[in-house]
């Protein structure tokens, strides 16, 4: 039976479409798109912490404290005529037990479910950045997203930007095919000092 020119054209278009999708998926596999269920298993990692101290300059002791902090490498900025705020990044801090318990309780029931990949589109390409739109259903407990943005930053992490139907946005780092992670920043204050903790929340593939 003879094929019509329309049938031939349709076959060619379907073949081209398959090649495009297949090519996109192959390229996607080069950076290991997450698949399956990822769950919080209790692992928290302190990335860094920034310590703050408000120093009163109205007394000799306060002015001496300001000079001491500066000698220790703190950056001090005047806030008022009689107060300065000093700050320094520290990697020697540990996550306080109360904060660790709070975060473990918050994330203990949280999991991401990444379904099959339907297609991947390159939507932005620059010297230091490639950005893809990944058509893949993602479930966060009861919330659902049908697609998300994946960014590959030169010499940096692979980032996922997921927006769910309810409008909630989640930002994750894709560490490898078995681990995605988010970062939470939490401030703990006491008297005239405070510490801003940047904590990595790990979700491991089951």
N, C-alpha and C. Protein backbone atom coordinates (compact mmCIF):
# COMPACT_ATOMS: atom_id res chain seq x y z
N UNK A 1 0.85 -1.18 0.00
CA UNK A 1 0.00 0.00 0.00
C UNK A 1 0.89 1.24 0.00
N UNK A 2 0.56 2.25 -0.83
CA UNK A 2 1.38 3.46 -0.94
C UNK A 2 1.13 4.39 0.25
N UNK A 3 2.20 4.96 0.72
CA UNK A 3 2.07 5.95 1.78
C UNK A 3 1.79 7.32 1.15
N UNK A 4 0.86 8.09 1.76
CA UNK A 4 0.60 9.43 1.28
C UNK A 4 1.72 10.35 1.70
N UNK A 5 1.83 11.49 1.05
CA UNK A 5 2.89 12.43 1.41
C UNK A 5 2.68 12.96 2.83
N UNK A 6 1.40 13.00 3.28
CA UNK A 6 1.12 13.47 4.63
C UNK A 6 1.60 12.46 5.66
N UNK A 7 1.41 11.17 5.35
CA UNK A 7 1.88 10.12 6.26
C UNK A 7 3.39 10.16 6.37
N UNK A 8 4.04 10.34 5.20
CA UNK A 8 5.51 10.42 5.19
C UNK A 8 6.00 11.61 5.99
N UNK A 9 5.31 12.76 5.83
CA UNK A 9 5.70 13.97 6.56
C UNK A 9 5.50 13.78 8.06
N UNK A 10 4.37 13.16 8.44
CA UNK A 10 4.09 12.92 9.85
C UNK A 10 5.13 11.99 10.46
N UNK A 11 5.51 10.96 9.71
CA UNK A 11 6.52 10.02 10.20
C UNK A 11 7.85 10.73 10.41
N UNK A 12 8.21 11.60 9.48
CA UNK A 12 9.47 12.34 9.59
C UNK A 12 9.46 13.27 10.80
N UNK A 13 8.30 13.94 11.01
CA UNK A 13 8.19 14.85 12.14
C UNK A 13 8.28 14.10 13.47
N UNK A 14 7.61 12.93 13.53
CA UNK A 14 7.66 12.14 14.75
C UNK A 14 9.08 11.64 15.02
N UNK A 15 9.78 11.28 13.95
CA UNK A 15 11.17 10.82 14.10
C UNK A 15 12.05 11.94 14.62
N UNK A 16 11.86 13.16 14.06
CA UNK A 16 12.64 14.31 14.49
C UNK A 16 12.35 14.64 15.95
N UNK A 17 11.05 14.60 16.32
CA UNK A 17 10.67 14.88 17.69
C UNK A 17 11.29 13.87 18.65
N UNK A 18 11.29 12.62 18.28
CA UNK A 18 11.88 11.58 19.13
C UNK A 18 13.37 11.81 19.31
N UNK A 19 14.04 12.23 18.21
CA UNK A 19 15.48 12.49 18.30
C UNK A 19 15.76 13.65 19.24
N UNK A 20 14.90 14.70 19.16
CA UNK A 20 15.10 15.86 20.02
C UNK A 20 14.93 15.48 21.48
N UNK A 21 13.83 14.76 21.78
CA UNK A 21 13.57 14.36 23.16
C UNK A 21 14.65 13.41 23.65
N UNK A 22 15.01 12.44 22.81
CA UNK A 22 16.03 11.48 23.21
C UNK A 22 17.35 12.18 23.47
N UNK A 23 17.69 13.13 22.57
CA UNK A 23 18.94 13.88 22.76
C UNK A 23 18.94 14.67 24.05
N UNK A 24 17.78 15.28 24.37
CA UNK A 24 17.68 16.04 25.60
C UNK A 24 17.84 15.15 26.81
N UNK A 25 17.21 13.98 26.76
CA UNK A 25 17.28 13.07 27.89
C UNK A 25 18.68 12.52 28.09
N UNK A 26 19.37 12.24 26.98
CA UNK A 26 20.75 11.76 27.09
C UNK A 26 21.62 12.84 27.72
N UNK A 27 21.43 14.09 27.24
CA UNK A 27 22.20 15.20 27.81
C UNK A 27 21.87 15.35 29.29
N UNK A 28 20.57 15.17 29.64
CA UNK A 28 20.18 15.30 31.04
C UNK A 28 20.86 14.27 31.91
N UNK A 29 21.02 13.06 31.37
CA UNK A 29 21.63 12.01 32.17
C UNK A 29 23.09 12.33 32.50
N UNK A 30 23.71 13.20 31.72
CA UNK A 30 25.09 13.57 31.99
C UNK A 30 25.21 14.29 33.33
N UNK A 31 24.13 14.96 33.77
CA UNK A 31 24.20 15.60 35.07
C UNK A 31 23.24 14.96 36.05
N UNK A 32 22.84 13.70 35.78
CA UNK A 32 22.18 12.85 36.76
C UNK A 32 20.95 13.50 37.37
N UNK A 33 19.89 13.59 36.61
CA UNK A 33 18.61 14.08 37.11
C UNK A 33 18.14 13.14 38.23
N UNK A 34 17.66 13.69 39.35
CA UNK A 34 17.22 12.82 40.46
C UNK A 34 15.99 12.01 40.07
N UNK A 35 15.96 10.77 40.52
CA UNK A 35 14.84 9.87 40.27
C UNK A 35 14.53 9.12 41.56
N UNK A 36 13.24 8.91 41.84
CA UNK A 36 12.86 8.14 43.01
C UNK A 36 12.56 9.01 44.22
N UNK A 37 12.50 8.39 45.38
CA UNK A 37 12.12 9.08 46.62
C UNK A 37 13.35 9.45 47.43
N UNK A 38 13.37 10.72 47.85
CA UNK A 38 14.44 11.24 48.69
C UNK A 38 13.83 11.68 50.01
N UNK A 39 14.39 11.19 51.11
CA UNK A 39 13.80 11.45 52.42
C UNK A 39 14.86 11.98 53.39
N UNK A 40 14.40 12.84 54.30
CA UNK A 40 15.27 13.33 55.37
C UNK A 40 15.52 12.20 56.34
N UNK A 41 16.81 11.89 56.58
CA UNK A 41 17.17 10.79 57.48
C UNK A 41 17.88 11.29 58.73
N UNK A 42 17.75 12.57 59.01
CA UNK A 42 18.31 13.13 60.24
C UNK A 42 19.67 13.79 60.09
N UNK A 43 20.21 13.84 58.85
CA UNK A 43 21.56 14.37 58.68
C UNK A 43 21.53 15.89 58.43
N UNK A 44 22.19 16.61 59.31
CA UNK A 44 22.33 18.07 59.22
C UNK A 44 23.82 18.40 59.20
N UNK A 45 24.18 19.38 58.38
CA UNK A 45 25.60 19.79 58.31
C UNK A 45 25.69 21.30 58.40
N UNK A 46 26.50 21.78 59.32
CA UNK A 46 26.71 23.22 59.44
C UNK A 46 27.70 23.66 58.37
N UNK A 47 27.25 24.52 57.47
CA UNK A 47 28.12 25.02 56.40
C UNK A 47 29.00 26.15 56.91
N UNK A 48 28.39 27.10 57.56
CA UNK A 48 29.13 28.20 58.17
C UNK A 48 28.20 28.91 59.14
N UNK A 49 28.75 29.80 59.92
CA UNK A 49 27.94 30.59 60.86
C UNK A 49 28.50 32.01 60.89
N UNK A 50 27.61 32.96 61.07
CA UNK A 50 28.04 34.36 61.18
C UNK A 50 27.62 34.88 62.54
N UNK A 51 28.62 35.30 63.31
CA UNK A 51 28.37 35.77 64.66
C UNK A 51 28.27 37.30 64.67
N UNK A 52 27.33 37.80 65.45
CA UNK A 52 27.11 39.25 65.58
C UNK A 52 27.20 39.64 67.06
N UNK A 53 27.72 40.82 67.28
CA UNK A 53 27.71 41.36 68.64
C UNK A 53 27.50 42.87 68.57
N UNK A 54 26.52 43.36 69.31
CA UNK A 54 26.29 44.79 69.40
C UNK A 54 27.10 45.35 70.56
N UNK A 55 27.94 46.33 70.26
CA UNK A 55 28.87 46.86 71.27
C UNK A 55 28.49 48.31 71.59
N UNK A 56 28.31 48.58 72.87
CA UNK A 56 28.03 49.95 73.32
C UNK A 56 29.35 50.71 73.49
N UNK A 57 29.40 51.91 72.95
CA UNK A 57 30.61 52.72 73.02
C UNK A 57 30.53 53.77 74.12
N UNK A 58 29.51 53.66 74.96
CA UNK A 58 29.29 54.69 75.98
C UNK A 58 30.13 54.49 77.23
N UNK A 59 30.92 53.40 77.27
CA UNK A 59 31.76 53.16 78.44
C UNK A 59 33.15 52.73 77.98
N UNK A 60 34.16 52.91 78.83
CA UNK A 60 35.52 52.45 78.49
C UNK A 60 35.56 50.95 78.20
N UNK A 61 34.79 50.17 78.94
CA UNK A 61 34.77 48.72 78.72
C UNK A 61 34.23 48.38 77.34
N UNK A 62 33.21 49.12 76.91
CA UNK A 62 32.64 48.89 75.59
C UNK A 62 33.63 49.25 74.49
N UNK A 63 34.32 50.37 74.65
CA UNK A 63 35.29 50.78 73.63
C UNK A 63 36.46 49.79 73.57
N UNK A 64 36.85 49.24 74.72
CA UNK A 64 37.90 48.23 74.75
C UNK A 64 37.43 46.95 74.07
N UNK A 65 36.15 46.59 74.28
CA UNK A 65 35.60 45.40 73.64
C UNK A 65 35.60 45.58 72.12
N UNK A 66 35.29 46.77 71.65
CA UNK A 66 35.29 47.04 70.21
C UNK A 66 36.70 46.84 69.64
N UNK A 67 37.70 47.37 70.31
CA UNK A 67 39.08 47.22 69.84
C UNK A 67 39.51 45.76 69.86
N UNK A 68 39.06 45.03 70.89
CA UNK A 68 39.40 43.62 71.00
C UNK A 68 38.82 42.82 69.83
N UNK A 69 37.56 43.07 69.51
CA UNK A 69 36.91 42.35 68.40
C UNK A 69 37.61 42.67 67.08
N UNK A 70 37.98 43.93 66.88
CA UNK A 70 38.68 44.31 65.66
C UNK A 70 40.02 43.58 65.55
N UNK A 71 40.72 43.45 66.68
CA UNK A 71 42.01 42.73 66.67
C UNK A 71 41.80 41.26 66.30
N UNK A 72 40.64 40.72 66.65
CA UNK A 72 40.33 39.31 66.36
C UNK A 72 39.79 39.09 64.95
N UNK A 73 39.69 40.18 64.18
CA UNK A 73 39.27 40.04 62.79
C UNK A 73 37.80 40.31 62.52
N UNK A 74 37.07 40.77 63.53
CA UNK A 74 35.66 41.09 63.33
C UNK A 74 35.54 42.40 62.53
N UNK A 75 34.47 42.49 61.74
CA UNK A 75 34.16 43.72 61.01
C UNK A 75 33.13 44.49 61.82
N UNK A 76 33.43 45.74 62.15
CA UNK A 76 32.54 46.54 63.00
C UNK A 76 32.02 47.74 62.23
N UNK A 77 30.71 47.93 62.30
CA UNK A 77 30.05 49.02 61.57
C UNK A 77 29.23 49.84 62.56
N UNK A 78 29.41 51.17 62.59
CA UNK A 78 28.60 52.00 63.49
C UNK A 78 27.11 51.92 63.12
N UNK A 79 26.26 51.74 64.13
CA UNK A 79 24.82 51.72 63.92
C UNK A 79 24.17 53.01 64.41
N UNK A 80 24.66 53.49 65.52
CA UNK A 80 24.24 54.79 66.05
C UNK A 80 25.49 55.49 66.56
N UNK A 81 25.30 56.66 67.13
CA UNK A 81 26.46 57.40 67.66
C UNK A 81 27.10 56.65 68.84
N UNK A 82 26.34 55.78 69.49
CA UNK A 82 26.86 55.12 70.69
C UNK A 82 26.92 53.60 70.57
N UNK A 83 26.63 53.04 69.39
CA UNK A 83 26.65 51.59 69.22
C UNK A 83 27.29 51.17 67.90
N UNK A 84 28.01 50.08 67.92
CA UNK A 84 28.55 49.47 66.71
C UNK A 84 28.15 48.00 66.67
N UNK A 85 27.88 47.52 65.45
CA UNK A 85 27.60 46.09 65.30
C UNK A 85 28.82 45.43 64.68
N UNK A 86 29.32 44.40 65.35
CA UNK A 86 30.49 43.67 64.86
C UNK A 86 30.06 42.29 64.40
N UNK A 87 30.72 41.76 63.38
CA UNK A 87 30.36 40.44 62.85
C UNK A 87 31.60 39.73 62.32
N UNK A 88 31.51 38.40 62.31
CA UNK A 88 32.61 37.59 61.78
C UNK A 88 32.03 36.24 61.37
N UNK A 89 32.54 35.67 60.29
CA UNK A 89 32.16 34.32 59.89
C UNK A 89 33.01 33.32 60.67
N UNK A 90 32.38 32.22 61.05
CA UNK A 90 33.07 31.22 61.85
C UNK A 90 32.70 29.83 61.37
N UNK A 91 33.70 28.97 61.19
CA UNK A 91 33.46 27.57 60.84
C UNK A 91 33.73 26.65 62.03
N UNK A 92 33.96 27.25 63.19
CA UNK A 92 34.26 26.44 64.38
C UNK A 92 33.02 26.26 65.26
N UNK A 93 31.91 26.88 64.87
CA UNK A 93 30.68 26.73 65.63
C UNK A 93 30.11 25.32 65.46
N UNK A 94 29.25 24.94 66.37
CA UNK A 94 28.49 23.69 66.24
C UNK A 94 27.01 24.05 66.34
N UNK A 95 26.16 23.19 65.77
CA UNK A 95 24.73 23.43 65.84
C UNK A 95 24.26 23.18 67.27
N UNK A 96 23.63 24.16 67.91
CA UNK A 96 23.14 23.93 69.28
C UNK A 96 22.15 22.76 69.32
N UNK A 97 22.16 22.03 70.40
CA UNK A 97 21.31 20.84 70.52
C UNK A 97 19.83 21.19 70.34
N UNK A 98 19.40 22.31 70.91
CA UNK A 98 17.99 22.71 70.80
C UNK A 98 17.60 23.00 69.36
N UNK A 99 18.52 23.65 68.62
CA UNK A 99 18.26 23.95 67.21
C UNK A 99 18.27 22.67 66.38
N UNK A 100 19.19 21.78 66.66
CA UNK A 100 19.25 20.50 65.94
C UNK A 100 17.94 19.72 66.13
N UNK A 101 17.45 19.68 67.36
CA UNK A 101 16.20 18.97 67.64
C UNK A 101 15.02 19.63 66.92
N UNK A 102 15.03 20.96 66.88
CA UNK A 102 13.96 21.71 66.21
C UNK A 102 13.92 21.39 64.71
N UNK A 103 15.09 21.37 64.08
CA UNK A 103 15.15 21.10 62.64
C UNK A 103 14.82 19.64 62.33
N UNK A 104 15.29 18.72 63.16
CA UNK A 104 14.98 17.32 62.92
C UNK A 104 13.48 17.06 63.05
N UNK A 105 12.84 17.74 63.98
CA UNK A 105 11.39 17.61 64.12
C UNK A 105 10.66 18.22 62.92
N UNK A 106 11.17 19.34 62.42
CA UNK A 106 10.54 20.02 61.29
C UNK A 106 10.60 19.20 60.01
N UNK A 107 11.72 18.52 59.78
CA UNK A 107 11.93 17.84 58.50
C UNK A 107 11.71 16.33 58.55
N UNK A 108 11.41 15.77 59.71
CA UNK A 108 11.39 14.32 59.84
C UNK A 108 10.36 13.64 58.93
N UNK A 109 9.26 14.32 58.60
CA UNK A 109 8.23 13.70 57.76
C UNK A 109 8.31 14.17 56.31
N UNK A 110 9.37 14.85 55.94
CA UNK A 110 9.46 15.45 54.61
C UNK A 110 10.18 14.52 53.63
N UNK A 111 9.60 14.37 52.44
CA UNK A 111 10.27 13.58 51.39
C UNK A 111 9.89 14.14 50.03
N UNK A 112 10.80 13.98 49.08
CA UNK A 112 10.59 14.37 47.69
C UNK A 112 10.49 13.11 46.84
N UNK A 113 9.50 13.08 45.94
CA UNK A 113 9.36 11.95 45.02
C UNK A 113 9.50 12.48 43.60
N UNK A 114 10.59 12.09 42.92
CA UNK A 114 10.86 12.50 41.54
C UNK A 114 10.40 11.38 40.60
N UNK A 115 9.45 11.70 39.72
CA UNK A 115 8.91 10.71 38.79
C UNK A 115 9.74 10.60 37.53
N UNK A 116 9.20 9.90 36.50
CA UNK A 116 9.92 9.77 35.23
C UNK A 116 10.11 11.13 34.55
N UNK A 117 11.19 11.28 33.82
CA UNK A 117 11.47 12.50 33.07
C UNK A 117 10.75 12.44 31.73
N UNK A 118 9.92 13.45 31.43
CA UNK A 118 9.22 13.50 30.16
C UNK A 118 10.05 14.18 29.07
N UNK A 119 10.63 15.32 29.41
CA UNK A 119 11.50 16.01 28.45
C UNK A 119 12.33 17.04 29.20
N UNK A 120 13.38 17.52 28.53
CA UNK A 120 14.28 18.52 29.10
C UNK A 120 14.57 19.56 28.02
N UNK A 121 14.42 20.84 28.36
CA UNK A 121 14.67 21.91 27.40
C UNK A 121 15.78 22.82 27.92
N UNK A 122 16.74 23.12 27.06
CA UNK A 122 17.76 24.11 27.39
C UNK A 122 17.15 25.49 27.16
N UNK A 123 17.04 26.30 28.21
CA UNK A 123 16.37 27.60 28.07
C UNK A 123 17.33 28.78 28.25
N UNK A 124 18.53 28.51 28.73
CA UNK A 124 19.48 29.61 28.90
C UNK A 124 20.89 29.03 28.91
N UNK A 125 21.77 29.64 28.14
CA UNK A 125 23.16 29.18 28.09
C UNK A 125 24.10 30.37 28.06
N UNK A 126 24.97 30.44 29.03
CA UNK A 126 25.99 31.48 29.11
C UNK A 126 27.32 30.81 29.43
N UNK A 127 28.36 31.62 29.52
CA UNK A 127 29.70 31.06 29.73
C UNK A 127 29.79 30.28 31.04
N UNK A 128 29.16 30.80 32.08
CA UNK A 128 29.28 30.16 33.40
C UNK A 128 27.99 29.51 33.87
N UNK A 129 26.97 29.46 33.01
CA UNK A 129 25.67 28.96 33.46
C UNK A 129 24.92 28.29 32.32
N UNK A 130 24.35 27.13 32.61
CA UNK A 130 23.36 26.50 31.73
C UNK A 130 22.10 26.29 32.55
N UNK A 131 20.96 26.61 31.95
CA UNK A 131 19.70 26.44 32.66
C UNK A 131 18.74 25.62 31.81
N UNK A 132 18.16 24.60 32.44
CA UNK A 132 17.24 23.70 31.76
C UNK A 132 15.88 23.78 32.43
N UNK A 133 14.83 23.51 31.63
CA UNK A 133 13.50 23.29 32.16
C UNK A 133 13.23 21.80 32.08
N UNK A 134 13.06 21.18 33.23
CA UNK A 134 12.90 19.73 33.31
C UNK A 134 11.42 19.42 33.55
N UNK A 135 10.82 18.71 32.58
CA UNK A 135 9.42 18.31 32.72
C UNK A 135 9.40 16.93 33.40
N UNK A 136 9.24 16.99 34.71
CA UNK A 136 9.29 15.80 35.56
C UNK A 136 8.45 16.08 36.80
N UNK A 137 7.51 15.21 37.09
CA UNK A 137 6.65 15.45 38.25
C UNK A 137 7.45 15.26 39.54
N UNK A 138 7.28 16.23 40.44
CA UNK A 138 7.92 16.17 41.75
C UNK A 138 6.84 16.32 42.81
N UNK A 139 6.85 15.41 43.76
CA UNK A 139 5.91 15.49 44.89
C UNK A 139 6.69 15.80 46.17
N UNK A 140 6.19 16.78 46.90
CA UNK A 140 6.71 17.08 48.24
C UNK A 140 5.56 16.83 49.20
N UNK A 141 5.56 15.66 49.81
CA UNK A 141 4.43 15.22 50.61
C UNK A 141 3.16 15.31 49.74
N UNK A 142 2.22 16.22 50.03
CA UNK A 142 0.99 16.28 49.24
C UNK A 142 1.04 17.31 48.10
N UNK A 143 2.13 18.07 48.01
CA UNK A 143 2.23 19.08 46.96
C UNK A 143 2.85 18.49 45.68
N UNK A 144 2.43 19.03 44.53
CA UNK A 144 2.89 18.49 43.24
C UNK A 144 3.38 19.63 42.34
N UNK A 145 4.50 19.39 41.67
CA UNK A 145 5.00 20.26 40.61
C UNK A 145 5.21 19.39 39.37
N UNK A 146 4.90 19.93 38.21
CA UNK A 146 5.03 19.16 36.97
C UNK A 146 6.35 19.44 36.25
N UNK A 147 7.05 20.49 36.67
CA UNK A 147 8.33 20.83 36.04
C UNK A 147 9.13 21.67 37.02
N UNK A 148 10.41 21.84 36.72
CA UNK A 148 11.28 22.68 37.55
C UNK A 148 12.46 23.15 36.73
N UNK A 149 13.17 24.14 37.25
CA UNK A 149 14.37 24.64 36.60
C UNK A 149 15.60 23.97 37.20
N UNK A 150 16.53 23.62 36.35
CA UNK A 150 17.79 23.02 36.79
C UNK A 150 18.92 23.90 36.26
N UNK A 151 19.76 24.38 37.15
CA UNK A 151 20.87 25.26 36.79
C UNK A 151 22.21 24.58 37.03
N UNK A 152 23.05 24.61 36.02
CA UNK A 152 24.42 24.12 36.16
C UNK A 152 25.33 25.33 36.16
N UNK A 153 25.96 25.58 37.29
CA UNK A 153 26.84 26.74 37.45
C UNK A 153 28.28 26.26 37.37
N UNK A 154 29.07 26.92 36.55
CA UNK A 154 30.48 26.53 36.38
C UNK A 154 31.19 26.56 37.72
N UNK A 155 31.87 25.45 38.04
CA UNK A 155 32.60 25.30 39.30
C UNK A 155 31.71 25.49 40.53
N UNK A 156 30.42 25.23 40.37
CA UNK A 156 29.49 25.36 41.49
C UNK A 156 28.52 24.20 41.53
N UNK A 157 27.56 24.26 42.42
CA UNK A 157 26.61 23.15 42.55
C UNK A 157 25.57 23.17 41.44
N UNK A 158 24.90 22.04 41.25
CA UNK A 158 23.73 21.97 40.39
C UNK A 158 22.53 22.32 41.24
N UNK A 159 21.74 23.31 40.80
CA UNK A 159 20.64 23.81 41.61
C UNK A 159 19.30 23.48 40.97
N UNK A 160 18.35 23.09 41.81
CA UNK A 160 16.98 22.83 41.38
C UNK A 160 16.08 23.91 41.99
N UNK A 161 15.24 24.51 41.14
CA UNK A 161 14.26 25.49 41.61
C UNK A 161 12.88 24.94 41.28
N UNK A 162 12.17 24.52 42.32
CA UNK A 162 10.89 23.85 42.15
C UNK A 162 9.78 24.74 42.69
N UNK A 163 8.77 25.02 41.84
CA UNK A 163 7.61 25.78 42.29
C UNK A 163 6.39 24.88 42.22
N UNK A 164 5.74 24.69 43.36
CA UNK A 164 4.59 23.81 43.44
C UNK A 164 3.31 24.56 43.10
N UNK A 165 2.25 23.80 42.83
CA UNK A 165 1.00 24.39 42.38
C UNK A 165 0.44 25.41 43.36
N UNK A 166 0.66 25.19 44.65
CA UNK A 166 0.15 26.11 45.67
C UNK A 166 0.97 27.40 45.74
N UNK A 167 2.08 27.47 44.99
CA UNK A 167 2.91 28.68 44.98
C UNK A 167 4.15 28.58 45.83
N UNK A 168 4.28 27.51 46.62
CA UNK A 168 5.48 27.33 47.45
C UNK A 168 6.68 27.03 46.56
N UNK A 169 7.82 27.63 46.89
CA UNK A 169 9.05 27.40 46.14
C UNK A 169 10.08 26.70 47.02
N UNK A 170 10.79 25.75 46.41
CA UNK A 170 11.83 25.01 47.11
C UNK A 170 13.10 25.08 46.28
N UNK A 171 14.22 25.35 46.94
CA UNK A 171 15.52 25.41 46.27
C UNK A 171 16.39 24.29 46.84
N UNK A 172 16.88 23.45 45.94
CA UNK A 172 17.70 22.31 46.35
C UNK A 172 19.02 22.31 45.58
N UNK A 173 20.04 21.72 46.19
CA UNK A 173 21.29 21.41 45.49
C UNK A 173 21.29 19.92 45.16
N UNK A 174 21.68 19.61 43.93
CA UNK A 174 21.80 18.20 43.53
C UNK A 174 23.25 17.81 43.73
N UNK A 175 23.53 17.11 44.84
CA UNK A 175 24.90 16.73 45.17
C UNK A 175 25.37 15.55 44.33
N UNK A 176 24.53 14.55 44.21
CA UNK A 176 24.77 13.39 43.35
C UNK A 176 23.43 12.68 43.17
N UNK A 177 23.45 11.55 42.46
CA UNK A 177 22.18 10.87 42.15
C UNK A 177 21.49 10.29 43.38
N UNK A 178 22.18 10.28 44.51
CA UNK A 178 21.59 9.71 45.73
C UNK A 178 21.35 10.76 46.82
N UNK A 179 21.66 12.03 46.54
CA UNK A 179 21.56 13.03 47.59
C UNK A 179 21.18 14.40 47.03
N UNK A 180 20.10 14.97 47.54
CA UNK A 180 19.77 16.37 47.29
C UNK A 180 19.72 17.06 48.65
N UNK A 181 19.95 18.35 48.65
CA UNK A 181 20.00 19.05 49.93
C UNK A 181 19.46 20.47 49.79
N UNK A 182 18.90 20.96 50.88
CA UNK A 182 18.49 22.35 50.98
C UNK A 182 19.34 23.04 52.03
N UNK A 183 19.25 24.36 52.08
CA UNK A 183 19.99 25.12 53.08
C UNK A 183 19.01 25.99 53.84
N UNK A 184 19.08 25.91 55.15
CA UNK A 184 18.23 26.74 56.01
C UNK A 184 19.11 27.66 56.83
N UNK A 185 18.68 28.92 56.92
CA UNK A 185 19.41 29.88 57.76
C UNK A 185 18.55 30.20 58.98
N UNK A 186 19.16 30.08 60.14
CA UNK A 186 18.44 30.28 61.41
C UNK A 186 19.30 31.16 62.32
N UNK A 187 18.67 32.16 62.92
CA UNK A 187 19.38 33.04 63.86
C UNK A 187 19.00 32.68 65.29
N UNK A 188 20.02 32.54 66.13
CA UNK A 188 19.82 32.30 67.56
C UNK A 188 20.43 33.49 68.31
N UNK A 189 19.61 34.15 69.12
CA UNK A 189 20.06 35.37 69.82
C UNK A 189 20.09 35.18 71.32
N UNK A 190 21.03 35.88 71.95
CA UNK A 190 21.13 35.88 73.41
C UNK A 190 21.78 37.18 73.85
N UNK A 191 21.02 37.97 74.60
CA UNK A 191 21.49 39.27 75.08
C UNK A 191 21.91 40.14 73.89
N UNK A 192 23.16 40.60 73.87
CA UNK A 192 23.61 41.49 72.80
C UNK A 192 24.36 40.75 71.69
N UNK A 193 24.28 39.41 71.70
CA UNK A 193 24.96 38.61 70.68
C UNK A 193 23.95 37.74 69.94
N UNK A 194 24.27 37.40 68.71
CA UNK A 194 23.44 36.48 67.94
C UNK A 194 24.33 35.73 66.96
N UNK A 195 23.86 34.57 66.55
CA UNK A 195 24.59 33.76 65.58
C UNK A 195 23.63 33.31 64.49
N UNK A 196 24.03 33.57 63.25
CA UNK A 196 23.25 33.14 62.08
C UNK A 196 23.88 31.87 61.55
N UNK A 197 23.14 30.77 61.62
CA UNK A 197 23.63 29.46 61.19
C UNK A 197 23.12 29.15 59.78
N UNK A 198 24.02 28.69 58.92
CA UNK A 198 23.64 28.19 57.59
C UNK A 198 23.81 26.67 57.62
N UNK A 199 22.69 25.96 57.56
CA UNK A 199 22.68 24.52 57.81
C UNK A 199 22.17 23.77 56.59
N UNK A 200 22.94 22.78 56.16
CA UNK A 200 22.53 21.95 55.04
C UNK A 200 21.62 20.82 55.54
N UNK A 201 20.47 20.69 54.87
CA UNK A 201 19.49 19.64 55.19
C UNK A 201 19.57 18.60 54.11
N UNK A 202 19.97 17.39 54.43
CA UNK A 202 20.18 16.34 53.43
C UNK A 202 18.95 15.45 53.27
N UNK A 203 18.63 15.16 52.00
CA UNK A 203 17.57 14.23 51.67
C UNK A 203 18.20 13.10 50.86
N UNK A 204 18.16 11.89 51.39
CA UNK A 204 18.83 10.75 50.78
C UNK A 204 17.83 9.87 50.03
N UNK A 205 18.28 9.32 48.91
CA UNK A 205 17.40 8.45 48.12
C UNK A 205 17.22 7.12 48.83
N UNK A 206 15.98 6.68 48.89
CA UNK A 206 15.68 5.42 49.54
C UNK A 206 16.00 4.23 48.62
